[in-house]
N, C-alpha and C. Protein backbone atom coordinates (compact mmCIF):
# COMPACT_ATOMS: atom_id res chain seq x y z
N UNK A 1 -55.17 -82.04 -17.60
CA UNK A 1 -55.20 -81.20 -16.40
C UNK A 1 -55.00 -79.76 -16.82
N UNK A 2 -55.90 -78.96 -16.34
CA UNK A 2 -55.84 -77.56 -16.79
C UNK A 2 -55.35 -76.69 -15.66
N UNK A 3 -54.56 -75.59 -16.01
CA UNK A 3 -54.02 -74.65 -15.00
C UNK A 3 -55.01 -73.55 -14.71
N UNK A 4 -54.59 -72.63 -13.87
CA UNK A 4 -55.46 -71.49 -13.53
C UNK A 4 -55.73 -70.62 -14.72
N UNK A 5 -56.90 -70.16 -14.76
CA UNK A 5 -57.35 -69.35 -15.89
C UNK A 5 -57.08 -67.89 -15.58
N UNK A 6 -56.34 -67.21 -16.45
CA UNK A 6 -56.03 -65.77 -16.28
C UNK A 6 -57.13 -64.94 -16.89
N UNK A 7 -57.59 -64.02 -16.12
CA UNK A 7 -58.64 -63.14 -16.65
C UNK A 7 -58.02 -62.09 -17.53
N UNK A 8 -58.57 -61.92 -18.70
CA UNK A 8 -58.01 -60.89 -19.61
C UNK A 8 -58.18 -59.48 -19.10
N UNK A 9 -59.01 -59.27 -18.11
CA UNK A 9 -59.24 -57.91 -17.61
C UNK A 9 -58.40 -57.57 -16.39
N UNK A 10 -57.54 -58.49 -15.92
CA UNK A 10 -56.78 -58.26 -14.68
C UNK A 10 -55.78 -57.11 -14.78
N UNK A 11 -54.94 -56.99 -15.80
CA UNK A 11 -53.99 -55.85 -15.87
C UNK A 11 -54.70 -54.52 -15.89
N UNK A 12 -55.74 -54.42 -16.59
CA UNK A 12 -56.46 -53.15 -16.64
C UNK A 12 -57.05 -52.80 -15.31
N UNK A 13 -57.51 -53.82 -14.60
CA UNK A 13 -58.09 -53.57 -13.30
C UNK A 13 -57.01 -53.12 -12.31
N UNK A 14 -55.80 -53.71 -12.42
CA UNK A 14 -54.69 -53.31 -11.55
C UNK A 14 -54.31 -51.84 -11.78
N UNK A 15 -54.25 -51.43 -13.02
CA UNK A 15 -53.91 -50.04 -13.34
C UNK A 15 -54.97 -49.11 -12.80
N UNK A 16 -56.23 -49.51 -12.90
CA UNK A 16 -57.32 -48.66 -12.42
C UNK A 16 -57.25 -48.54 -10.92
N UNK A 17 -56.91 -49.67 -10.25
CA UNK A 17 -56.82 -49.63 -8.80
C UNK A 17 -55.68 -48.73 -8.35
N UNK A 18 -54.55 -48.84 -9.10
CA UNK A 18 -53.39 -47.97 -8.76
C UNK A 18 -53.73 -46.52 -8.94
N UNK A 19 -54.46 -46.23 -10.01
CA UNK A 19 -54.83 -44.82 -10.26
C UNK A 19 -55.81 -44.33 -9.23
N UNK A 20 -56.63 -45.28 -8.68
CA UNK A 20 -57.64 -44.85 -7.71
C UNK A 20 -57.07 -44.61 -6.35
N UNK A 21 -55.79 -45.13 -6.04
CA UNK A 21 -55.19 -44.91 -4.73
C UNK A 21 -54.85 -43.44 -4.57
N UNK A 22 -55.04 -42.86 -3.40
CA UNK A 22 -54.74 -41.43 -3.19
C UNK A 22 -53.24 -41.17 -3.20
N UNK A 23 -52.78 -39.95 -3.64
CA UNK A 23 -51.36 -39.57 -3.69
C UNK A 23 -50.84 -39.39 -2.28
N UNK A 24 -49.53 -39.62 -2.05
CA UNK A 24 -48.95 -39.43 -0.70
C UNK A 24 -49.21 -38.01 -0.22
N UNK A 25 -49.37 -37.87 1.11
CA UNK A 25 -49.70 -36.56 1.67
C UNK A 25 -48.60 -35.54 1.48
N UNK A 26 -47.34 -36.03 1.53
CA UNK A 26 -46.23 -35.06 1.43
C UNK A 26 -46.10 -34.48 0.05
N UNK A 27 -46.67 -35.21 -0.98
CA UNK A 27 -46.58 -34.68 -2.34
C UNK A 27 -47.42 -33.42 -2.46
N UNK A 28 -48.57 -33.41 -1.85
CA UNK A 28 -49.41 -32.21 -1.87
C UNK A 28 -48.75 -31.08 -1.10
N UNK A 29 -48.14 -31.45 0.06
CA UNK A 29 -47.45 -30.42 0.84
C UNK A 29 -46.27 -29.83 0.06
N UNK A 30 -45.61 -30.70 -0.71
CA UNK A 30 -44.47 -30.23 -1.50
C UNK A 30 -44.90 -29.21 -2.52
N UNK A 31 -46.03 -29.43 -3.13
CA UNK A 31 -46.54 -28.45 -4.10
C UNK A 31 -46.82 -27.12 -3.43
N UNK A 32 -47.33 -27.18 -2.20
CA UNK A 32 -47.63 -25.92 -1.51
C UNK A 32 -46.35 -25.21 -1.02
N UNK A 33 -45.33 -26.03 -0.70
CA UNK A 33 -44.07 -25.44 -0.22
C UNK A 33 -43.13 -25.01 -1.34
N UNK A 34 -43.46 -25.34 -2.56
CA UNK A 34 -42.54 -25.05 -3.66
C UNK A 34 -42.20 -23.58 -3.77
N UNK A 35 -43.16 -22.63 -3.68
CA UNK A 35 -42.77 -21.21 -3.76
C UNK A 35 -41.85 -20.80 -2.63
N UNK A 36 -42.14 -21.35 -1.42
CA UNK A 36 -41.29 -20.98 -0.29
C UNK A 36 -39.88 -21.52 -0.46
N UNK A 37 -39.77 -22.79 -0.97
CA UNK A 37 -38.44 -23.35 -1.18
C UNK A 37 -37.68 -22.60 -2.26
N UNK A 38 -38.37 -22.20 -3.32
CA UNK A 38 -37.73 -21.44 -4.38
C UNK A 38 -37.22 -20.10 -3.86
N UNK A 39 -38.06 -19.46 -3.03
CA UNK A 39 -37.66 -18.18 -2.45
C UNK A 39 -36.46 -18.34 -1.54
N UNK A 40 -36.48 -19.45 -0.74
CA UNK A 40 -35.34 -19.70 0.15
C UNK A 40 -34.06 -19.93 -0.63
N UNK A 41 -34.17 -20.70 -1.75
CA UNK A 41 -32.99 -20.95 -2.57
C UNK A 41 -32.44 -19.66 -3.15
N UNK A 42 -33.33 -18.79 -3.64
CA UNK A 42 -32.89 -17.51 -4.19
C UNK A 42 -32.26 -16.64 -3.10
N UNK A 43 -32.85 -16.71 -1.89
CA UNK A 43 -32.30 -15.91 -0.79
C UNK A 43 -30.90 -16.37 -0.43
N UNK A 44 -30.70 -17.71 -0.37
CA UNK A 44 -29.37 -18.25 -0.07
C UNK A 44 -28.35 -17.84 -1.14
N UNK A 45 -28.78 -17.94 -2.42
CA UNK A 45 -27.87 -17.57 -3.51
C UNK A 45 -27.51 -16.09 -3.43
N UNK A 46 -28.52 -15.26 -3.15
CA UNK A 46 -28.25 -13.82 -3.04
C UNK A 46 -27.35 -13.53 -1.86
N UNK A 47 -27.55 -14.27 -0.75
CA UNK A 47 -26.72 -14.06 0.43
C UNK A 47 -25.27 -14.43 0.14
N UNK A 48 -25.06 -15.55 -0.55
CA UNK A 48 -23.69 -15.97 -0.90
C UNK A 48 -23.03 -14.93 -1.81
N UNK A 49 -23.81 -14.42 -2.78
CA UNK A 49 -23.27 -13.41 -3.69
C UNK A 49 -22.89 -12.13 -2.93
N UNK A 50 -23.81 -11.69 -2.06
CA UNK A 50 -23.54 -10.47 -1.29
C UNK A 50 -22.36 -10.66 -0.35
N UNK A 51 -22.24 -11.88 0.22
CA UNK A 51 -21.12 -12.14 1.12
C UNK A 51 -19.79 -12.07 0.36
N UNK A 52 -19.77 -12.66 -0.85
CA UNK A 52 -18.55 -12.59 -1.66
C UNK A 52 -18.20 -11.17 -2.04
N UNK A 53 -19.24 -10.40 -2.42
CA UNK A 53 -18.99 -8.99 -2.76
C UNK A 53 -18.49 -8.20 -1.56
N UNK A 54 -19.03 -8.50 -0.38
CA UNK A 54 -18.59 -7.77 0.82
C UNK A 54 -17.13 -8.08 1.15
N UNK A 55 -16.73 -9.37 1.00
CA UNK A 55 -15.32 -9.72 1.23
C UNK A 55 -14.41 -9.00 0.23
N UNK A 56 -14.84 -8.96 -1.01
CA UNK A 56 -14.03 -8.28 -2.03
C UNK A 56 -13.94 -6.80 -1.74
N UNK A 57 -15.06 -6.21 -1.34
CA UNK A 57 -15.06 -4.78 -1.00
C UNK A 57 -14.14 -4.51 0.19
N UNK A 58 -14.21 -5.42 1.18
CA UNK A 58 -13.34 -5.26 2.35
C UNK A 58 -11.87 -5.34 1.96
N UNK A 59 -11.54 -6.29 1.06
CA UNK A 59 -10.15 -6.40 0.60
C UNK A 59 -9.72 -5.14 -0.13
N UNK A 60 -10.61 -4.62 -1.01
CA UNK A 60 -10.29 -3.40 -1.74
C UNK A 60 -10.10 -2.23 -0.78
N UNK A 61 -10.97 -2.14 0.22
CA UNK A 61 -10.83 -1.07 1.20
C UNK A 61 -9.53 -1.20 1.99
N UNK A 62 -9.17 -2.46 2.31
CA UNK A 62 -7.90 -2.68 3.02
C UNK A 62 -6.71 -2.26 2.17
N UNK A 63 -6.75 -2.59 0.86
CA UNK A 63 -5.67 -2.18 -0.02
C UNK A 63 -5.59 -0.66 -0.12
N UNK A 64 -6.75 -0.01 -0.23
CA UNK A 64 -6.76 1.45 -0.32
C UNK A 64 -6.23 2.09 0.97
N UNK A 65 -6.60 1.51 2.11
CA UNK A 65 -6.08 2.05 3.38
C UNK A 65 -4.57 1.88 3.48
N UNK A 66 -4.06 0.73 2.99
CA UNK A 66 -2.61 0.50 3.04
C UNK A 66 -1.88 1.47 2.10
N UNK A 67 -2.45 1.68 0.91
CA UNK A 67 -1.86 2.64 -0.02
C UNK A 67 -1.87 4.05 0.57
N UNK A 68 -3.00 4.40 1.21
CA UNK A 68 -3.08 5.72 1.83
C UNK A 68 -2.06 5.85 2.96
N UNK A 69 -1.89 4.77 3.74
CA UNK A 69 -0.90 4.81 4.83
C UNK A 69 0.50 4.98 4.29
N UNK A 70 0.83 4.24 3.21
CA UNK A 70 2.15 4.36 2.61
C UNK A 70 2.37 5.76 2.03
N UNK A 71 1.32 6.33 1.41
CA UNK A 71 1.44 7.68 0.85
C UNK A 71 1.68 8.69 1.96
N UNK A 72 0.96 8.54 3.09
CA UNK A 72 1.17 9.46 4.22
C UNK A 72 2.58 9.32 4.78
N UNK A 73 3.06 8.07 4.89
CA UNK A 73 4.42 7.85 5.41
C UNK A 73 5.47 8.46 4.48
N UNK A 74 5.28 8.29 3.17
CA UNK A 74 6.23 8.86 2.20
C UNK A 74 6.22 10.37 2.28
N UNK A 75 5.03 10.97 2.36
CA UNK A 75 4.94 12.43 2.46
C UNK A 75 5.59 12.93 3.74
N UNK A 76 5.38 12.20 4.85
CA UNK A 76 5.99 12.61 6.11
C UNK A 76 7.51 12.54 6.04
N UNK A 77 8.03 11.47 5.41
CA UNK A 77 9.49 11.34 5.28
C UNK A 77 10.07 12.46 4.43
N UNK A 78 9.37 12.81 3.34
CA UNK A 78 9.84 13.89 2.48
C UNK A 78 9.82 15.22 3.22
N UNK A 79 8.77 15.44 3.99
CA UNK A 79 8.67 16.68 4.75
C UNK A 79 9.81 16.77 5.77
N UNK A 80 10.06 15.67 6.48
CA UNK A 80 11.15 15.67 7.46
C UNK A 80 12.50 15.89 6.80
N UNK A 81 12.68 15.29 5.61
CA UNK A 81 13.94 15.47 4.89
C UNK A 81 14.14 16.92 4.48
N UNK A 82 13.07 17.54 3.98
CA UNK A 82 13.16 18.94 3.58
C UNK A 82 13.46 19.83 4.78
N UNK A 83 12.81 19.55 5.90
CA UNK A 83 13.07 20.34 7.10
C UNK A 83 14.51 20.18 7.58
N UNK A 84 15.03 18.95 7.49
CA UNK A 84 16.43 18.71 7.88
C UNK A 84 17.38 19.46 6.97
N UNK A 85 17.12 19.43 5.65
CA UNK A 85 17.97 20.14 4.71
C UNK A 85 17.92 21.65 4.94
N UNK A 86 16.72 22.17 5.23
CA UNK A 86 16.60 23.60 5.52
C UNK A 86 17.39 23.97 6.77
N UNK A 87 17.32 23.11 7.79
CA UNK A 87 18.07 23.36 9.02
C UNK A 87 19.57 23.35 8.75
N UNK A 88 20.04 22.37 7.94
CA UNK A 88 21.47 22.29 7.63
C UNK A 88 21.93 23.51 6.83
N UNK A 89 21.08 23.96 5.91
CA UNK A 89 21.45 25.13 5.11
C UNK A 89 21.60 26.36 6.01
N UNK A 90 20.64 26.55 6.92
CA UNK A 90 20.73 27.70 7.83
C UNK A 90 21.96 27.61 8.73
N UNK A 91 22.30 26.37 9.13
CA UNK A 91 23.41 26.20 10.07
C UNK A 91 24.76 26.38 9.38
N UNK A 92 24.90 25.89 8.14
CA UNK A 92 26.21 25.87 7.49
C UNK A 92 26.39 26.94 6.41
N UNK A 93 25.34 27.65 6.08
CA UNK A 93 25.46 28.65 5.01
C UNK A 93 26.51 29.73 5.32
N UNK A 94 26.57 30.28 6.54
CA UNK A 94 27.61 31.30 6.80
C UNK A 94 29.03 30.77 6.57
N UNK A 95 29.30 29.55 7.06
CA UNK A 95 30.63 28.97 6.86
C UNK A 95 30.90 28.71 5.37
N UNK A 96 29.87 28.25 4.66
CA UNK A 96 30.02 27.99 3.23
C UNK A 96 30.34 29.28 2.47
N UNK A 97 29.62 30.35 2.79
CA UNK A 97 29.86 31.62 2.11
C UNK A 97 31.26 32.15 2.43
N UNK A 98 31.71 31.94 3.67
CA UNK A 98 33.05 32.39 4.03
C UNK A 98 34.11 31.62 3.25
N UNK A 99 33.92 30.32 3.08
CA UNK A 99 34.88 29.52 2.30
C UNK A 99 34.87 29.92 0.83
N UNK A 100 33.70 30.22 0.31
CA UNK A 100 33.64 30.66 -1.08
C UNK A 100 34.30 32.02 -1.25
N UNK A 101 34.14 32.89 -0.25
CA UNK A 101 34.78 34.20 -0.30
C UNK A 101 36.30 34.05 -0.30
N UNK A 102 36.80 33.05 0.40
CA UNK A 102 38.24 32.83 0.45
C UNK A 102 38.77 32.10 -0.78
N UNK A 103 37.88 31.66 -1.65
CA UNK A 103 38.31 30.98 -2.87
C UNK A 103 38.43 29.48 -2.76
N UNK A 104 38.05 28.91 -1.60
CA UNK A 104 38.15 27.46 -1.48
C UNK A 104 37.04 26.76 -2.24
N UNK A 105 35.84 27.30 -2.22
CA UNK A 105 34.69 26.70 -2.91
C UNK A 105 34.55 27.32 -4.28
N UNK A 106 34.51 26.51 -5.31
CA UNK A 106 34.36 27.00 -6.67
C UNK A 106 35.57 26.66 -7.53
N UNK A 107 35.61 27.25 -8.69
CA UNK A 107 36.71 27.00 -9.62
C UNK A 107 37.99 27.69 -9.15
N UNK A 108 39.12 27.13 -9.53
CA UNK A 108 40.41 27.74 -9.19
C UNK A 108 40.54 29.10 -9.88
N UNK A 109 41.23 30.02 -9.22
CA UNK A 109 41.41 31.38 -9.75
C UNK A 109 42.91 31.67 -9.79
N UNK A 110 43.55 31.21 -10.83
CA UNK A 110 45.00 31.39 -10.95
C UNK A 110 45.37 32.86 -11.06
N UNK A 111 44.52 33.63 -11.72
CA UNK A 111 44.82 35.05 -11.86
C UNK A 111 44.90 35.73 -10.50
N UNK A 112 44.01 35.35 -9.58
CA UNK A 112 44.04 35.94 -8.24
C UNK A 112 45.32 35.55 -7.52
N UNK A 113 45.80 34.33 -7.71
CA UNK A 113 47.05 33.91 -7.07
C UNK A 113 48.23 34.73 -7.60
N UNK A 114 48.28 34.89 -8.91
CA UNK A 114 49.39 35.64 -9.51
C UNK A 114 49.34 37.11 -9.08
N UNK A 115 48.14 37.68 -9.04
CA UNK A 115 48.01 39.07 -8.57
C UNK A 115 48.45 39.20 -7.12
N UNK A 116 48.16 38.19 -6.30
CA UNK A 116 48.56 38.23 -4.90
C UNK A 116 50.08 38.20 -4.78
N UNK A 117 50.76 37.40 -5.60
CA UNK A 117 52.23 37.36 -5.58
C UNK A 117 52.80 38.72 -5.99
N UNK A 118 52.27 39.30 -7.06
CA UNK A 118 52.76 40.59 -7.54
C UNK A 118 52.52 41.69 -6.50
N UNK A 119 51.32 41.67 -5.90
CA UNK A 119 50.98 42.71 -4.92
C UNK A 119 51.89 42.59 -3.69
N UNK A 120 52.14 41.37 -3.21
CA UNK A 120 53.00 41.19 -2.05
C UNK A 120 54.43 41.63 -2.36
N UNK A 121 54.89 41.31 -3.55
CA UNK A 121 56.25 41.70 -3.95
C UNK A 121 56.40 43.22 -3.97
N UNK A 122 55.38 43.90 -4.49
CA UNK A 122 55.45 45.36 -4.56
C UNK A 122 55.34 46.00 -3.17
N UNK A 123 54.42 45.50 -2.35
CA UNK A 123 54.20 46.11 -1.05
C UNK A 123 55.36 45.88 -0.09
N UNK A 124 55.98 44.72 -0.15
CA UNK A 124 57.04 44.39 0.79
C UNK A 124 58.43 44.58 0.21
N UNK A 125 58.52 45.09 -1.02
CA UNK A 125 59.80 45.35 -1.65
C UNK A 125 60.66 44.09 -1.73
N UNK A 126 60.03 43.00 -2.16
CA UNK A 126 60.72 41.72 -2.25
C UNK A 126 61.53 41.65 -3.54
N UNK A 127 62.52 40.78 -3.51
CA UNK A 127 63.31 40.53 -4.71
C UNK A 127 62.46 39.76 -5.72
N UNK A 128 62.90 39.67 -6.97
CA UNK A 128 62.10 38.99 -8.00
C UNK A 128 61.67 37.58 -7.58
N UNK A 129 60.45 37.25 -7.97
CA UNK A 129 59.85 35.95 -7.64
C UNK A 129 59.42 35.28 -8.95
N UNK A 130 59.76 34.02 -9.10
CA UNK A 130 59.28 33.24 -10.24
C UNK A 130 58.39 32.11 -9.73
N UNK A 131 57.51 31.66 -10.58
CA UNK A 131 56.56 30.61 -10.17
C UNK A 131 56.22 29.74 -11.37
N UNK A 132 55.76 28.56 -11.06
CA UNK A 132 55.32 27.61 -12.09
C UNK A 132 54.09 26.88 -11.56
N UNK A 133 53.01 26.90 -12.34
CA UNK A 133 51.74 26.29 -11.93
C UNK A 133 51.49 25.06 -12.79
N UNK A 134 51.23 23.93 -12.14
CA UNK A 134 50.96 22.67 -12.84
C UNK A 134 49.46 22.45 -12.98
N UNK A 135 49.11 21.35 -13.65
CA UNK A 135 47.70 21.03 -13.89
C UNK A 135 47.01 20.64 -12.59
N UNK A 136 45.75 21.00 -12.50
CA UNK A 136 44.96 20.65 -11.32
C UNK A 136 44.69 19.15 -11.29
N UNK A 137 44.56 18.61 -10.09
CA UNK A 137 44.32 17.18 -9.91
C UNK A 137 43.32 16.97 -8.78
N UNK A 138 42.61 15.85 -8.86
CA UNK A 138 41.66 15.48 -7.82
C UNK A 138 42.42 14.78 -6.70
N UNK A 139 42.17 15.21 -5.47
CA UNK A 139 42.86 14.65 -4.31
C UNK A 139 41.98 13.60 -3.63
N UNK A 140 42.59 12.53 -3.19
CA UNK A 140 41.87 11.49 -2.46
C UNK A 140 41.80 11.88 -0.98
N UNK A 141 40.62 11.73 -0.42
CA UNK A 141 40.42 12.04 0.99
C UNK A 141 40.02 10.77 1.72
N UNK A 142 40.26 10.68 3.02
CA UNK A 142 39.86 9.50 3.79
C UNK A 142 38.34 9.31 3.74
N UNK A 143 37.86 8.07 3.85
CA UNK A 143 36.41 7.83 3.82
C UNK A 143 35.66 8.61 4.87
N UNK A 144 36.29 8.87 6.02
CA UNK A 144 35.61 9.62 7.07
C UNK A 144 35.32 11.06 6.67
N UNK A 145 36.04 11.55 5.63
CA UNK A 145 35.84 12.93 5.17
C UNK A 145 35.08 12.97 3.86
N UNK A 146 34.27 11.94 3.59
CA UNK A 146 33.49 11.91 2.35
C UNK A 146 32.62 13.15 2.26
N UNK A 147 32.63 13.78 1.06
CA UNK A 147 31.95 15.06 0.89
C UNK A 147 30.80 14.99 -0.10
N UNK A 148 30.29 13.80 -0.34
CA UNK A 148 29.12 13.68 -1.22
C UNK A 148 29.44 14.07 -2.64
N UNK A 149 28.71 15.05 -3.17
CA UNK A 149 28.88 15.47 -4.57
C UNK A 149 30.08 16.38 -4.76
N UNK A 150 30.74 16.79 -3.69
CA UNK A 150 31.91 17.65 -3.79
C UNK A 150 33.17 16.81 -3.83
N UNK A 151 34.19 17.35 -4.46
CA UNK A 151 35.49 16.69 -4.47
C UNK A 151 36.58 17.73 -4.22
N UNK A 152 37.61 17.29 -3.54
CA UNK A 152 38.72 18.18 -3.21
C UNK A 152 39.75 18.11 -4.33
N UNK A 153 40.19 19.28 -4.77
CA UNK A 153 41.15 19.38 -5.88
C UNK A 153 42.36 20.18 -5.44
N UNK A 154 43.49 19.86 -6.03
CA UNK A 154 44.72 20.58 -5.71
C UNK A 154 45.46 21.00 -6.96
N UNK A 155 45.99 22.21 -6.94
CA UNK A 155 46.77 22.75 -8.06
C UNK A 155 48.19 23.04 -7.56
N UNK A 156 49.19 22.28 -8.00
CA UNK A 156 50.55 22.49 -7.51
C UNK A 156 51.16 23.79 -8.07
N UNK A 157 51.96 24.46 -7.22
CA UNK A 157 52.69 25.66 -7.62
C UNK A 157 54.09 25.59 -7.00
N UNK A 158 55.10 25.91 -7.83
CA UNK A 158 56.47 26.00 -7.34
C UNK A 158 56.88 27.47 -7.33
N UNK A 159 57.40 27.93 -6.21
CA UNK A 159 57.86 29.31 -6.05
C UNK A 159 59.37 29.32 -5.87
N UNK A 160 60.03 30.20 -6.60
CA UNK A 160 61.46 30.45 -6.41
C UNK A 160 61.65 31.95 -6.19
N UNK A 161 62.41 32.29 -5.18
CA UNK A 161 62.61 33.70 -4.87
C UNK A 161 63.93 33.91 -4.15
N UNK A 162 64.50 35.10 -4.36
CA UNK A 162 65.68 35.52 -3.62
C UNK A 162 65.23 36.26 -2.37
N UNK A 163 65.95 36.07 -1.27
CA UNK A 163 65.56 36.62 0.01
C UNK A 163 66.64 37.56 0.55
N UNK A 164 66.18 38.64 1.17
CA UNK A 164 67.09 39.46 1.95
C UNK A 164 67.24 38.90 3.35
N UNK A 165 66.18 38.23 3.85
CA UNK A 165 66.22 37.53 5.12
C UNK A 165 65.08 36.51 5.11
N UNK A 166 65.10 35.62 6.11
CA UNK A 166 64.16 34.50 6.12
C UNK A 166 62.70 34.93 6.19
N UNK A 167 62.41 36.08 6.77
CA UNK A 167 61.04 36.52 6.93
C UNK A 167 60.35 36.84 5.60
N UNK A 168 61.15 37.06 4.55
CA UNK A 168 60.53 37.40 3.26
C UNK A 168 59.59 36.29 2.78
N UNK A 169 60.03 35.06 2.89
CA UNK A 169 59.18 33.97 2.42
C UNK A 169 57.96 33.78 3.33
N UNK A 170 58.12 33.98 4.62
CA UNK A 170 56.98 33.86 5.54
C UNK A 170 55.95 34.96 5.29
N UNK A 171 56.44 36.17 5.03
CA UNK A 171 55.51 37.27 4.73
C UNK A 171 54.76 37.02 3.42
N UNK A 172 55.47 36.49 2.43
CA UNK A 172 54.81 36.19 1.15
C UNK A 172 53.71 35.15 1.34
N UNK A 173 54.00 34.09 2.06
CA UNK A 173 53.00 33.04 2.29
C UNK A 173 51.81 33.59 3.06
N UNK A 174 52.08 34.47 4.01
CA UNK A 174 50.98 35.06 4.78
C UNK A 174 50.08 35.91 3.87
N UNK A 175 50.70 36.65 2.93
CA UNK A 175 49.89 37.45 2.00
C UNK A 175 49.07 36.56 1.06
N UNK A 176 49.65 35.44 0.64
CA UNK A 176 48.93 34.56 -0.29
C UNK A 176 47.71 33.93 0.36
N UNK A 177 47.73 33.77 1.66
CA UNK A 177 46.58 33.20 2.35
C UNK A 177 45.34 34.07 2.21
N UNK A 178 45.52 35.33 1.87
CA UNK A 178 44.36 36.21 1.69
C UNK A 178 43.67 35.96 0.35
N UNK A 179 44.30 35.21 -0.54
CA UNK A 179 43.74 35.00 -1.88
C UNK A 179 43.31 33.57 -2.14
N UNK A 180 43.38 32.73 -1.13
CA UNK A 180 42.95 31.35 -1.33
C UNK A 180 43.48 30.46 -0.23
N UNK A 181 43.16 29.18 -0.37
CA UNK A 181 43.61 28.19 0.61
C UNK A 181 44.64 27.28 -0.05
N UNK A 182 45.75 27.08 0.64
CA UNK A 182 46.78 26.21 0.10
C UNK A 182 47.52 25.52 1.25
N UNK A 183 48.19 24.46 0.91
CA UNK A 183 49.03 23.74 1.85
C UNK A 183 50.47 23.82 1.37
N UNK A 184 51.39 24.06 2.29
CA UNK A 184 52.81 24.11 1.95
C UNK A 184 53.34 22.68 1.97
N UNK A 185 53.76 22.19 0.81
CA UNK A 185 54.26 20.82 0.72
C UNK A 185 55.73 20.73 1.14
N UNK A 186 56.50 21.71 0.77
CA UNK A 186 57.90 21.75 1.16
C UNK A 186 58.41 23.17 0.96
N UNK A 187 59.45 23.52 1.65
CA UNK A 187 60.04 24.86 1.52
C UNK A 187 61.51 24.78 1.95
N UNK A 188 62.41 25.02 1.04
CA UNK A 188 63.84 24.92 1.31
C UNK A 188 64.48 26.30 1.16
N UNK A 189 65.26 26.69 2.14
CA UNK A 189 65.99 27.97 2.12
C UNK A 189 67.48 27.65 2.21
N UNK A 190 68.21 28.27 1.33
CA UNK A 190 69.66 28.05 1.33
C UNK A 190 70.38 29.38 1.08
N UNK A 191 71.61 29.43 1.53
CA UNK A 191 72.43 30.64 1.35
C UNK A 191 73.22 30.51 0.05
N UNK A 192 73.17 31.58 -0.73
CA UNK A 192 73.91 31.60 -1.99
C UNK A 192 75.40 31.79 -1.69
N UNK A 193 76.23 30.98 -2.32
CA UNK A 193 77.67 31.05 -2.08
C UNK A 193 78.32 32.23 -2.80
N UNK A 194 77.70 32.66 -3.93
CA UNK A 194 78.31 33.73 -4.71
C UNK A 194 77.89 35.11 -4.25
N UNK A 195 76.89 35.20 -3.37
CA UNK A 195 76.42 36.51 -2.90
C UNK A 195 75.92 36.35 -1.47
N UNK A 196 75.87 37.44 -0.80
CA UNK A 196 75.43 37.42 0.59
C UNK A 196 73.90 37.49 0.65
N UNK A 197 73.25 36.57 -0.07
CA UNK A 197 71.78 36.52 -0.08
C UNK A 197 71.33 35.09 0.14
N UNK A 198 70.02 34.98 0.34
CA UNK A 198 69.40 33.68 0.50
C UNK A 198 68.46 33.43 -0.68
N UNK A 199 68.20 32.18 -0.94
CA UNK A 199 67.21 31.79 -1.95
C UNK A 199 66.29 30.74 -1.35
N UNK A 200 65.07 30.76 -1.80
CA UNK A 200 64.07 29.82 -1.28
C UNK A 200 63.30 29.20 -2.44
N UNK A 201 62.96 27.95 -2.28
CA UNK A 201 62.08 27.25 -3.23
C UNK A 201 61.03 26.51 -2.42
N UNK A 202 59.76 26.81 -2.71
CA UNK A 202 58.64 26.24 -1.94
C UNK A 202 57.64 25.58 -2.89
N UNK A 203 57.08 24.51 -2.43
CA UNK A 203 56.01 23.85 -3.17
C UNK A 203 54.68 24.06 -2.47
N UNK A 204 53.73 24.66 -3.18
CA UNK A 204 52.40 24.92 -2.63
C UNK A 204 51.38 24.05 -3.36
N UNK A 205 50.30 23.75 -2.67
CA UNK A 205 49.19 23.03 -3.27
C UNK A 205 47.93 23.83 -2.99
N UNK A 206 47.46 24.57 -4.04
CA UNK A 206 46.25 25.37 -3.90
C UNK A 206 45.04 24.44 -3.89
N UNK A 207 44.15 24.65 -2.94
CA UNK A 207 43.01 23.75 -2.73
C UNK A 207 41.70 24.41 -3.16
N UNK A 208 40.86 23.63 -3.82
CA UNK A 208 39.52 24.09 -4.19
C UNK A 208 38.54 22.93 -4.03
N UNK A 209 37.29 23.28 -3.80
CA UNK A 209 36.19 22.31 -3.71
C UNK A 209 35.22 22.57 -4.85
N UNK A 210 34.88 21.53 -5.59
CA UNK A 210 33.94 21.70 -6.70
C UNK A 210 33.05 20.48 -6.83
N UNK A 211 31.99 20.62 -7.63
CA UNK A 211 31.08 19.51 -7.87
C UNK A 211 31.78 18.42 -8.68
N UNK A 212 31.35 17.20 -8.48
CA UNK A 212 32.01 16.06 -9.12
C UNK A 212 31.96 16.15 -10.64
N UNK A 213 30.84 16.61 -11.19
CA UNK A 213 30.69 16.61 -12.65
C UNK A 213 31.34 17.78 -13.35
N UNK A 214 32.02 18.68 -12.64
CA UNK A 214 32.58 19.89 -13.28
C UNK A 214 34.08 19.80 -13.45
N UNK A 215 34.68 18.67 -13.13
CA UNK A 215 36.13 18.54 -13.27
C UNK A 215 36.53 18.51 -14.74
N UNK A 216 37.49 19.36 -15.11
CA UNK A 216 37.98 19.40 -16.48
C UNK A 216 38.89 18.22 -16.75
N UNK A 217 38.88 17.69 -17.99
CA UNK A 217 39.77 16.56 -18.29
C UNK A 217 41.23 17.01 -18.31
């Protein structure tokens, strides 16, 4: 019993038939649309790139605007500060100059104090006066009286003098006020037992204002 006979030309005929079938219609359309699709792809890529660049440019512009705003705010604050300082200088300069003229602002002037004692003694015909000046010291002030870069200093002085009457010591202190600012810490007057005279001993604290960095050791 014999089976079906295969023709030796069948595979070749199948290939020829396949080759003879027409190509799908969309394949031809795809070839015609290829330039348009390529152009569209390039357009999309360019659009994405431009969009990214625009966002970056916007961020950079925002940063520059913020920096410019901060610079304007800083300049305005500095201008206001300068104007405030100028106003304070105009307001307080007369008082400052008056204090410096009185010897409160600046370095201590011991020579002026001694000259004031000698001049008062000569003018008022006072009895001999002796004095002793101690080292200057920095004084502590309450926080409410904080003076910034300035510090208050005090120089102690002890005065001993013989009196013809109680007014002698008051007149001397009044004369010394013309040569500086001081506070009377204590003042004791007693009658001498060996003579019909009085004697007085007073403690003064001469005051000066100076910059923090100029204090001598």
